[in-house]
Amino acid sequence: MLLRVRVTLPDRPGSLGQVARTLGVAGADIVQVVVLERVAGRAVDDFTVLWPGAVRVDRLLAGLAAVPGVKVDGVWRAIGAPPYGGHDAELLAQLAARPADGLHTLVDAVPG
């Protein structure tokens, strides 16, 4: 299953590597990383990962919670391969596919 994982982390050397390593140890295969913002010593990053469907996402969340300074802002299913020019088309596809979850989808799509 393809997941999007949004995290806020310290904006310093090594933090992104710690998160990437934690994702890998938990079983996630990173497909894409997008840095959404960098403000006041913090960064908000979106990871698109392939996640084994048989493994509970709790394992991933527990691993990320153990990384100092990292906060998970959201985890949700992605609807296809990561976009290469922006997230607008993917966001519209998610809204069209699940209109009842539209507000939740839009709130999750807004960076910190």
Protein backbone atom coordinates (compact mmCIF):
# COMPACT_ATOMS: atom_id res chain seq x y z
CA MET A 1 0.00 0.00 0.00
CA LEU A 2 1.21 3.50 -0.78
CA LEU A 3 1.20 5.90 2.19
CA ARG A 4 1.95 9.55 2.69
CA VAL A 5 3.65 10.35 6.01
CA ARG A 6 3.99 14.01 7.04
CA VAL A 7 6.45 14.81 9.81
CA THR A 8 7.78 17.92 11.50
CA LEU A 9 11.41 17.61 12.50
CA PRO A 10 14.37 19.71 13.63
CA ASP A 11 15.92 21.50 10.63
CA ARG A 12 19.50 20.41 11.27
CA PRO A 13 21.96 18.03 9.62
CA GLY A 14 21.15 14.39 10.27
CA SER A 15 17.48 14.78 11.23
CA LEU A 16 16.16 13.81 7.80
CA GLY A 17 18.53 10.84 7.77
CA GLN A 18 17.26 9.67 11.16
CA VAL A 19 13.67 9.79 9.94
CA ALA A 20 14.55 7.98 6.69
CA ARG A 21 16.44 5.28 8.61
CA THR A 22 13.53 4.84 11.02
CA LEU A 23 11.10 4.46 8.12
CA GLY A 24 13.33 1.81 6.57
CA VAL A 25 13.79 -0.13 9.80
CA ALA A 26 10.01 -0.14 10.30
CA GLY A 27 9.57 -1.68 6.83
CA ALA A 28 8.73 1.34 4.67
CA ASP A 29 10.27 1.71 1.21
CA ILE A 30 10.69 5.45 0.54
CA VAL A 31 9.47 6.45 -2.91
CA GLN A 32 9.65 10.24 -2.56
CA VAL A 33 10.53 12.96 -0.05
CA VAL A 34 9.24 16.53 -0.37
CA VAL A 35 10.35 19.33 1.95
CA LEU A 36 7.20 21.43 2.35
CA GLU A 37 8.58 24.19 4.55
CA ARG A 38 11.50 25.26 6.69
CA VAL A 39 10.76 27.83 9.39
CA ALA A 40 12.31 28.73 12.75
CA GLY A 41 14.58 25.71 12.98
CA ARG A 42 11.85 23.21 12.02
CA ALA A 43 11.06 21.47 8.74
CA VAL A 44 7.85 19.86 7.49
CA ASP A 45 8.50 16.93 5.16
CA ASP A 46 6.19 14.59 3.24
CA PHE A 47 7.39 11.04 2.68
CA THR A 48 5.63 8.82 0.17
CA VAL A 49 6.36 5.20 1.10
CA LEU A 50 5.42 1.71 0.05
CA TRP A 51 4.15 0.02 3.19
CA PRO A 52 3.59 -3.73 3.51
CA GLY A 53 -0.16 -4.15 3.92
CA ALA A 54 0.19 -6.96 6.46
CA VAL A 55 2.15 -4.75 8.89
CA ARG A 56 0.30 -2.39 11.23
CA VAL A 57 1.04 1.32 10.81
CA ASP A 58 1.40 1.55 14.62
CA ARG A 59 4.88 0.09 14.21
CA LEU A 60 5.83 2.99 11.94
CA LEU A 61 4.33 5.58 14.30
CA ALA A 62 6.12 4.11 17.32
CA GLY A 63 9.45 4.23 15.51
CA LEU A 64 9.01 7.85 14.48
CA ALA A 65 7.87 8.84 17.98
CA ALA A 66 11.20 7.55 19.30
CA VAL A 67 13.22 9.96 17.12
CA PRO A 68 14.08 13.07 19.19
CA GLY A 69 12.23 16.19 18.05
CA VAL A 70 10.08 14.41 15.44
CA LYS A 71 6.29 14.86 15.39
CA VAL A 72 4.04 12.93 13.03
CA ASP A 73 1.53 15.37 11.54
CA GLY A 74 -0.43 12.78 9.59
CA VAL A 75 -0.46 9.45 7.80
CA TRP A 76 -2.86 8.69 4.98
CA ARG A 77 -3.17 6.47 1.95
CA ALA A 78 -1.87 7.88 -1.28
CA ILE A 79 -3.84 7.18 -4.43
CA GLY A 80 -1.09 6.46 -6.91
CA ALA A 81 2.46 7.20 -7.78
CA PRO A 82 3.87 10.41 -6.34
CA PRO A 83 3.50 13.45 -8.59
CA TYR A 84 6.56 15.03 -10.12
CA GLY A 85 5.33 18.54 -10.70
CA GLY A 86 3.17 19.32 -7.71
CA HIS A 87 0.51 17.83 -5.53
CA ASP A 88 -2.48 19.67 -6.97
CA ALA A 89 -3.57 16.93 -9.38
CA GLU A 90 -3.15 14.20 -6.78
CA LEU A 91 -5.12 16.21 -4.23
CA LEU A 92 -7.96 16.73 -6.70
CA ALA A 93 -7.96 12.98 -7.47
CA GLN A 94 -8.24 12.20 -3.76
CA LEU A 95 -11.12 14.65 -3.36
CA ALA A 96 -12.91 13.19 -6.37
CA ALA A 97 -12.41 9.62 -5.19
CA ARG A 98 -13.69 10.25 -1.65
CA PRO A 99 -15.83 13.40 -1.53
CA ALA A 100 -17.17 12.56 1.94
CA ASP A 101 -13.62 12.86 3.29
CA GLY A 102 -13.00 16.13 1.43
CA LEU A 103 -12.55 18.42 4.43
CA HIS A 104 -10.24 15.93 6.18
CA THR A 105 -8.21 15.48 2.98
CA LEU A 106 -7.80 19.24 2.51
CA VAL A 107 -6.78 19.79 6.13
CA ASP A 108 -4.17 17.01 5.89
CA ALA A 109 -2.82 18.51 2.67
CA VAL A 110 -2.05 21.89 4.24
CA PRO A 111 1.52 22.16 5.59
CA GLY A 112 1.90 23.17 9.25
